Every structure is written in structure tokens, then in C-alpha cells.
Amino acid sequence: MANQRTDSTGGTVKVTLLKSPIGFDGKQGAVVRSLGLRRIRHSVELKDTTEIRGMIHKVRHLVSVE
């Protein structure tokens, strides 16, 4: 049985960096960079996959998702 919450529909998500990763664990800064975010208030559109959702979950206190 498929889980509706984790199944991707092929859409995109818009991720915006709201807070600097400086002062947090270095791995979180690496996740922010790998999402393609470069500076505060920078937004990127990413494919809605489980991998991207997991990365967003790791830095959910630094970003906003639309």
C-alpha cells in the first residue's frame, strides 16, 4: 500500500533560505549548499522527491517550503 505523504507526484517545491547555517552543525551547511541555496532569501525550485524532502527535513529550521 502506498503512502500518500511520501509518494511524489512529479511536482516541484520552492525552497527559500531564511536563516544562516552558520552556528549550526557543519553537515547542515552542506545540506543547504546541496539544495542549491547560496544566501539568505535565495529561492530554488526543486523536484519533489523523497530525497529532497529528507534534505529539507534536516534543515527545516533554516528554510521555508512552498
Protein backbone atom coordinates (compact mmCIF):
# COMPACT_ATOMS: atom_id res chain seq x y z
CA MET A 1 0.00 0.00 0.00
CA ALA A 2 1.41 3.37 -1.00
CA ASN A 3 1.88 6.16 1.48
CA GLN A 4 0.31 9.30 0.08
CA ARG A 5 2.56 11.58 2.12
CA THR A 6 5.84 10.15 0.81
CA ASP A 7 4.81 9.41 -2.76
CA SER A 8 5.88 12.14 -5.14
CA THR A 9 3.54 13.33 -7.84
CA GLY A 10 6.29 14.71 -10.05
CA GLY A 11 5.72 18.30 -8.96
CA THR A 12 8.16 20.84 -7.64
CA VAL A 13 8.73 22.56 -4.32
CA LYS A 14 10.05 26.07 -3.80
CA VAL A 15 12.63 26.24 -1.00
CA THR A 16 13.82 29.56 0.45
CA LEU A 17 16.72 30.01 2.87
CA LEU A 18 15.52 32.15 5.79
CA LYS A 19 18.31 31.72 8.31
CA SER A 20 22.07 31.31 8.01
CA PRO A 21 23.51 27.84 8.70
CA ILE A 22 26.47 29.47 10.49
CA GLY A 23 26.50 28.35 14.11
CA PHE A 24 24.75 25.06 13.36
CA ASP A 25 26.30 21.67 12.63
CA GLY A 26 28.56 21.71 9.57
CA LYS A 27 26.54 18.94 7.97
CA GLN A 28 23.52 21.23 7.88
CA GLY A 29 25.52 23.82 5.95
CA ALA A 30 26.44 21.11 3.47
CA VAL A 31 22.77 20.18 3.06
CA VAL A 32 21.84 23.82 2.45
CA ARG A 33 24.54 24.05 -0.25
CA SER A 34 23.47 20.79 -1.85
CA LEU A 35 19.92 22.11 -2.09
CA GLY A 36 21.37 24.93 -4.20
CA LEU A 37 20.80 27.70 -1.68
CA ARG A 38 23.56 30.30 -1.62
CA ARG A 39 22.42 33.21 0.52
CA ILE A 40 19.58 34.31 2.77
CA ARG A 41 16.29 34.88 0.89
CA HIS A 42 17.59 32.86 -2.07
CA SER A 43 14.92 30.54 -3.52
CA VAL A 44 15.19 27.48 -5.72
CA GLU A 45 12.60 25.22 -7.34
CA LEU A 46 13.42 21.55 -6.81
CA LYS A 47 11.82 18.35 -7.98
CA ASP A 48 9.55 16.87 -5.30
CA THR A 49 11.31 13.60 -4.46
CA THR A 50 11.75 11.71 -1.22
CA GLU A 51 15.47 12.54 -1.21
CA ILE A 52 14.82 16.27 -1.45
CA ARG A 53 12.10 16.02 1.21
CA GLY A 54 14.60 14.32 3.53
CA MET A 55 17.16 17.07 2.96
CA ILE A 56 14.54 19.73 3.65
CA HIS A 57 13.56 17.92 6.84
CA LYS A 58 17.18 18.06 8.07
CA VAL A 59 17.29 21.87 7.75
CA ARG A 60 13.60 22.65 8.32
CA HIS A 61 14.52 25.29 10.94
CA LEU A 62 16.54 27.24 8.32
CA VAL A 63 14.23 27.14 5.28
CA SER A 64 10.64 27.68 4.24
CA VAL A 65 8.86 25.46 1.72
CA GLU A 66 6.03 26.40 -0.61
